[in-house]
Amino acid sequence: MRALIEYVTVAFCYLRRIPSAGLLLVQLSGLVLYPLMETSPRGRALFAGFGLLVLGVALRVVKRSPALTWVGVVLALVVVTLALVNVFAPPLGLQVARAILRRSLA
């Protein structure tokens, strides 16, 4: 048990020094989890929550460089807004997107 605690402590220290490694680990785990979760509505909802976890980790990595923090915050707001539109009004969101595409192509 003590060896496990020591291993976890070393892993967290490594992730603090190199946060992009943690981001890569989270993204790769998403690639592994997606095929297992895509078959049911509950799995897709859990994967959407996992996407928010990835977003949080990405913002933490971006926050390490202050010049790009605003880019990460803007992207986070766009992603969360689109996720909320998809959850609460999927047909309306789809209709709005279709209308915008029709106007831009006409």
N, C-alpha and C. Protein backbone atom coordinates (compact mmCIF):
# COMPACT_ATOMS: atom_id res chain seq x y z
N MET A 1 0.83 -1.19 0.00
CA MET A 1 0.00 0.00 0.00
C MET A 1 0.88 1.25 0.00
N ARG A 2 1.95 1.20 0.76
CA ARG A 2 2.85 2.35 0.84
C ARG A 2 3.52 2.63 -0.50
N ALA A 3 3.83 1.56 -1.22
CA ALA A 3 4.45 1.71 -2.54
C ALA A 3 3.48 2.37 -3.52
N LEU A 4 2.19 2.03 -3.42
CA LEU A 4 1.19 2.63 -4.28
C LEU A 4 1.06 4.13 -4.01
N ILE A 5 1.05 4.50 -2.74
CA ILE A 5 0.96 5.91 -2.37
C ILE A 5 2.19 6.67 -2.87
N GLU A 6 3.34 6.08 -2.75
CA GLU A 6 4.56 6.71 -3.24
C GLU A 6 4.53 6.85 -4.76
N TYR A 7 4.04 5.84 -5.46
CA TYR A 7 3.94 5.89 -6.91
C TYR A 7 2.99 7.00 -7.36
N VAL A 8 1.84 7.11 -6.69
CA VAL A 8 0.87 8.15 -7.04
C VAL A 8 1.45 9.54 -6.77
N THR A 9 2.19 9.69 -5.67
CA THR A 9 2.82 10.97 -5.36
C THR A 9 3.83 11.36 -6.43
N VAL A 10 4.63 10.42 -6.86
CA VAL A 10 5.61 10.68 -7.91
C VAL A 10 4.91 11.05 -9.22
N ALA A 11 3.81 10.36 -9.53
CA ALA A 11 3.07 10.64 -10.76
C ALA A 11 2.49 12.05 -10.72
N PHE A 12 1.93 12.47 -9.59
CA PHE A 12 1.39 13.83 -9.48
C PHE A 12 2.48 14.88 -9.58
N CYS A 13 3.63 14.62 -9.02
CA CYS A 13 4.76 15.56 -9.14
C CYS A 13 5.18 15.68 -10.60
N TYR A 14 5.19 14.58 -11.32
CA TYR A 14 5.55 14.60 -12.74
C TYR A 14 4.53 15.41 -13.54
N LEU A 15 3.25 15.21 -13.23
CA LEU A 15 2.20 15.93 -13.96
C LEU A 15 2.21 17.42 -13.63
N ARG A 16 2.67 17.79 -12.45
CA ARG A 16 2.80 19.22 -12.12
C ARG A 16 3.92 19.86 -12.93
N ARG A 17 5.00 19.11 -13.12
CA ARG A 17 6.14 19.65 -13.88
C ARG A 17 5.83 19.71 -15.37
N ILE A 18 5.11 18.71 -15.88
CA ILE A 18 4.82 18.64 -17.31
C ILE A 18 3.30 18.45 -17.48
N PRO A 19 2.53 19.54 -17.40
CA PRO A 19 1.07 19.41 -17.46
C PRO A 19 0.55 18.93 -18.80
N SER A 20 1.28 19.17 -19.89
CA SER A 20 0.80 18.69 -21.18
C SER A 20 0.79 17.16 -21.24
N ALA A 21 1.62 16.51 -20.45
CA ALA A 21 1.60 15.04 -20.38
C ALA A 21 0.27 14.57 -19.78
N GLY A 22 -0.21 15.28 -18.79
CA GLY A 22 -1.51 14.95 -18.21
C GLY A 22 -2.64 15.15 -19.21
N LEU A 23 -2.55 16.22 -19.99
CA LEU A 23 -3.56 16.47 -21.02
C LEU A 23 -3.55 15.35 -22.05
N LEU A 24 -2.36 14.93 -22.47
CA LEU A 24 -2.26 13.84 -23.42
C LEU A 24 -2.84 12.56 -22.84
N LEU A 25 -2.57 12.28 -21.59
CA LEU A 25 -3.10 11.08 -20.94
C LEU A 25 -4.63 11.11 -20.91
N VAL A 26 -5.20 12.26 -20.58
CA VAL A 26 -6.66 12.38 -20.53
C VAL A 26 -7.26 12.21 -21.93
N GLN A 27 -6.64 12.81 -22.94
CA GLN A 27 -7.16 12.68 -24.29
C GLN A 27 -7.06 11.25 -24.81
N LEU A 28 -5.97 10.58 -24.52
CA LEU A 28 -5.84 9.18 -24.95
C LEU A 28 -6.85 8.28 -24.24
N SER A 29 -7.12 8.56 -22.99
CA SER A 29 -8.14 7.77 -22.28
C SER A 29 -9.51 8.03 -22.90
N GLY A 30 -9.75 9.23 -23.42
CA GLY A 30 -11.00 9.50 -24.13
C GLY A 30 -11.13 8.67 -25.39
N LEU A 31 -10.01 8.48 -26.08
CA LEU A 31 -10.03 7.63 -27.28
C LEU A 31 -10.38 6.18 -26.93
N VAL A 32 -9.92 5.75 -25.78
CA VAL A 32 -10.21 4.37 -25.36
C VAL A 32 -11.65 4.25 -24.87
N LEU A 33 -12.15 5.27 -24.18
CA LEU A 33 -13.49 5.20 -23.62
C LEU A 33 -14.60 5.41 -24.64
N TYR A 34 -14.35 6.16 -25.70
CA TYR A 34 -15.41 6.51 -26.65
C TYR A 34 -16.12 5.30 -27.25
N PRO A 35 -15.40 4.31 -27.77
CA PRO A 35 -16.12 3.16 -28.34
C PRO A 35 -16.97 2.41 -27.31
N LEU A 36 -16.59 2.46 -26.07
CA LEU A 36 -17.35 1.77 -25.03
C LEU A 36 -18.61 2.54 -24.63
N MET A 37 -18.61 3.86 -24.84
CA MET A 37 -19.70 4.69 -24.35
C MET A 37 -20.66 5.17 -25.43
N GLU A 38 -20.35 5.01 -26.69
CA GLU A 38 -21.15 5.60 -27.75
C GLU A 38 -22.46 4.88 -28.02
N THR A 39 -22.64 3.68 -27.51
CA THR A 39 -23.80 2.88 -27.88
C THR A 39 -25.08 3.24 -27.13
N SER A 40 -24.99 3.90 -26.00
CA SER A 40 -26.20 4.21 -25.24
C SER A 40 -26.28 5.71 -24.96
N PRO A 41 -27.49 6.22 -24.75
CA PRO A 41 -27.63 7.65 -24.42
C PRO A 41 -26.92 8.01 -23.11
N ARG A 42 -26.96 7.11 -22.14
CA ARG A 42 -26.28 7.37 -20.87
C ARG A 42 -24.77 7.44 -21.08
N GLY A 43 -24.25 6.55 -21.91
CA GLY A 43 -22.82 6.57 -22.21
C GLY A 43 -22.41 7.84 -22.93
N ARG A 44 -23.25 8.31 -23.87
CA ARG A 44 -22.93 9.56 -24.57
C ARG A 44 -22.96 10.73 -23.60
N ALA A 45 -23.89 10.72 -22.66
CA ALA A 45 -23.95 11.80 -21.67
C ALA A 45 -22.71 11.76 -20.77
N LEU A 46 -22.29 10.57 -20.37
CA LEU A 46 -21.07 10.46 -19.56
C LEU A 46 -19.85 10.91 -20.35
N PHE A 47 -19.83 10.61 -21.63
CA PHE A 47 -18.70 11.03 -22.45
C PHE A 47 -18.69 12.54 -22.62
N ALA A 48 -19.86 13.17 -22.68
CA ALA A 48 -19.92 14.63 -22.72
C ALA A 48 -19.36 15.22 -21.43
N GLY A 49 -19.67 14.61 -20.29
CA GLY A 49 -19.07 15.04 -19.03
C GLY A 49 -17.57 14.86 -19.03
N PHE A 50 -17.12 13.77 -19.61
CA PHE A 50 -15.69 13.54 -19.74
C PHE A 50 -15.05 14.62 -20.61
N GLY A 51 -15.78 15.06 -21.63
CA GLY A 51 -15.29 16.15 -22.47
C GLY A 51 -15.08 17.43 -21.68
N LEU A 52 -15.95 17.67 -20.71
CA LEU A 52 -15.76 18.84 -19.85
C LEU A 52 -14.52 18.68 -18.97
N LEU A 53 -14.22 17.46 -18.56
CA LEU A 53 -12.99 17.21 -17.82
C LEU A 53 -11.77 17.51 -18.69
N VAL A 54 -11.82 17.08 -19.94
CA VAL A 54 -10.73 17.37 -20.87
C VAL A 54 -10.59 18.88 -21.05
N LEU A 55 -11.71 19.56 -21.16
CA LEU A 55 -11.68 21.02 -21.30
C LEU A 55 -11.03 21.68 -20.09
N GLY A 56 -11.36 21.20 -18.89
CA GLY A 56 -10.74 21.75 -17.68
C GLY A 56 -9.24 21.53 -17.64
N VAL A 57 -8.81 20.33 -18.02
CA VAL A 57 -7.37 20.03 -18.05
C VAL A 57 -6.68 20.90 -19.10
N ALA A 58 -7.32 21.08 -20.25
CA ALA A 58 -6.73 21.91 -21.30
C ALA A 58 -6.61 23.36 -20.84
N LEU A 59 -7.61 23.86 -20.15
CA LEU A 59 -7.54 25.23 -19.64
C LEU A 59 -6.43 25.37 -18.60
N ARG A 60 -6.23 24.35 -17.81
CA ARG A 60 -5.15 24.41 -16.82
C ARG A 60 -3.78 24.45 -17.51
N VAL A 61 -3.65 23.70 -18.59
CA VAL A 61 -2.39 23.71 -19.34
C VAL A 61 -2.19 25.07 -20.01
N VAL A 62 -3.25 25.62 -20.59
CA VAL A 62 -3.15 26.92 -21.25
C VAL A 62 -2.87 28.01 -20.22
N LYS A 63 -3.40 27.87 -19.04
CA LYS A 63 -3.21 28.90 -18.01
C LYS A 63 -1.74 29.02 -17.61
N ARG A 64 -0.96 28.02 -17.89
CA ARG A 64 0.47 28.08 -17.59
C ARG A 64 1.15 29.17 -18.41
N SER A 65 0.61 29.50 -19.57
CA SER A 65 1.14 30.60 -20.38
C SER A 65 0.10 31.72 -20.39
N PRO A 66 0.33 32.79 -19.64
CA PRO A 66 -0.69 33.83 -19.45
C PRO A 66 -1.16 34.50 -20.74
N ALA A 67 -0.31 34.54 -21.76
CA ALA A 67 -0.70 35.21 -22.99
C ALA A 67 -1.86 34.49 -23.68
N LEU A 68 -1.99 33.20 -23.50
CA LEU A 68 -3.04 32.43 -24.18
C LEU A 68 -4.22 32.09 -23.29
N THR A 69 -4.26 32.61 -22.08
CA THR A 69 -5.36 32.28 -21.17
C THR A 69 -6.70 32.72 -21.75
N TRP A 70 -6.75 33.91 -22.34
CA TRP A 70 -8.02 34.42 -22.87
C TRP A 70 -8.51 33.54 -24.02
N VAL A 71 -7.62 32.97 -24.80
CA VAL A 71 -8.03 32.08 -25.88
C VAL A 71 -8.73 30.84 -25.30
N GLY A 72 -8.15 30.29 -24.26
CA GLY A 72 -8.75 29.12 -23.62
C GLY A 72 -10.10 29.42 -23.01
N VAL A 73 -10.22 30.58 -22.39
CA VAL A 73 -11.50 30.95 -21.77
C VAL A 73 -12.58 31.15 -22.83
N VAL A 74 -12.23 31.80 -23.94
CA VAL A 74 -13.21 31.99 -25.01
C VAL A 74 -13.64 30.65 -25.60
N LEU A 75 -12.68 29.76 -25.85
CA LEU A 75 -13.02 28.44 -26.36
C LEU A 75 -13.89 27.67 -25.37
N ALA A 76 -13.60 27.78 -24.09
CA ALA A 76 -14.40 27.09 -23.08
C ALA A 76 -15.84 27.61 -23.08
N LEU A 77 -16.01 28.91 -23.19
CA LEU A 77 -17.36 29.47 -23.20
C LEU A 77 -18.14 29.01 -24.44
N VAL A 78 -17.47 28.96 -25.58
CA VAL A 78 -18.14 28.50 -26.79
C VAL A 78 -18.55 27.04 -26.65
N VAL A 79 -17.67 26.20 -26.14
CA VAL A 79 -17.97 24.78 -26.00
C VAL A 79 -19.12 24.55 -25.02
N VAL A 80 -19.09 25.22 -23.89
CA VAL A 80 -20.15 25.04 -22.90
C VAL A 80 -21.48 25.56 -23.44
N THR A 81 -21.46 26.68 -24.15
CA THR A 81 -22.69 27.22 -24.73
C THR A 81 -23.27 26.26 -25.75
N LEU A 82 -22.44 25.73 -26.63
CA LEU A 82 -22.93 24.77 -27.62
C LEU A 82 -23.44 23.49 -26.97
N ALA A 83 -22.79 23.05 -25.91
CA ALA A 83 -23.25 21.85 -25.20
C ALA A 83 -24.62 22.09 -24.57
N LEU A 84 -24.82 23.27 -23.99
CA LEU A 84 -26.12 23.59 -23.39
C LEU A 84 -27.21 23.69 -24.45
N VAL A 85 -26.90 24.28 -25.59
CA VAL A 85 -27.88 24.35 -26.68
C VAL A 85 -28.24 22.94 -27.13
N ASN A 86 -27.26 22.08 -27.22
CA ASN A 86 -27.50 20.71 -27.66
C ASN A 86 -28.35 19.94 -26.65
N VAL A 87 -28.15 20.19 -25.37
CA VAL A 87 -28.90 19.46 -24.33
C VAL A 87 -30.33 19.96 -24.23
N PHE A 88 -30.52 21.28 -24.19
CA PHE A 88 -31.85 21.82 -23.91
C PHE A 88 -32.71 22.04 -25.14
N ALA A 89 -32.13 22.25 -26.30
CA ALA A 89 -32.93 22.51 -27.49
C ALA A 89 -32.25 21.96 -28.73
N PRO A 90 -32.09 20.65 -28.81
CA PRO A 90 -31.40 20.12 -29.99
C PRO A 90 -32.10 20.44 -31.31
N PRO A 91 -33.44 20.30 -31.41
CA PRO A 91 -34.06 20.63 -32.69
C PRO A 91 -33.93 22.12 -33.03
N LEU A 92 -34.09 22.98 -32.04
CA LEU A 92 -33.98 24.41 -32.27
C LEU A 92 -32.56 24.77 -32.71
N GLY A 93 -31.58 24.19 -32.05
CA GLY A 93 -30.19 24.46 -32.42
C GLY A 93 -29.90 24.00 -33.84
N LEU A 94 -30.48 22.87 -34.21
CA LEU A 94 -30.29 22.35 -35.55
C LEU A 94 -30.99 23.25 -36.57
N GLN A 95 -32.16 23.74 -36.22
CA GLN A 95 -32.88 24.64 -37.13
C GLN A 95 -32.13 25.95 -37.32
N VAL A 96 -31.57 26.48 -36.25
CA VAL A 96 -30.79 27.71 -36.35
C VAL A 96 -29.57 27.51 -37.22
N ALA A 97 -28.89 26.40 -37.04
CA ALA A 97 -27.70 26.11 -37.85
C ALA A 97 -28.08 25.96 -39.32
N ARG A 98 -29.19 25.29 -39.58
CA ARG A 98 -29.65 25.15 -40.97
C ARG A 98 -29.99 26.50 -41.58
N ALA A 99 -30.67 27.35 -40.81
CA ALA A 99 -31.04 28.66 -41.32
C ALA A 99 -29.81 29.50 -41.62
N ILE A 100 -28.83 29.44 -40.76
CA ILE A 100 -27.59 30.20 -40.99
C ILE A 100 -26.88 29.68 -42.23
N LEU A 101 -26.83 28.37 -42.38
CA LEU A 101 -26.18 27.80 -43.57
C LEU A 101 -26.93 28.16 -44.85
N ARG A 102 -28.26 28.14 -44.79
CA ARG A 102 -29.06 28.50 -45.98
C ARG A 102 -28.82 29.95 -46.37
N ARG A 103 -28.81 30.85 -45.38
CA ARG A 103 -28.58 32.27 -45.67
C ARG A 103 -27.19 32.51 -46.22
N SER A 104 -26.22 31.79 -45.70
CA SER A 104 -24.86 32.02 -46.16
C SER A 104 -24.64 31.45 -47.56
N LEU A 105 -25.37 30.39 -47.93
CA LEU A 105 -25.21 29.80 -49.24
C LEU A 105 -26.08 30.47 -50.30
N ALA A 106 -27.11 31.19 -49.88
CA ALA A 106 -28.02 31.81 -50.84
C ALA A 106 -27.50 33.10 -51.42
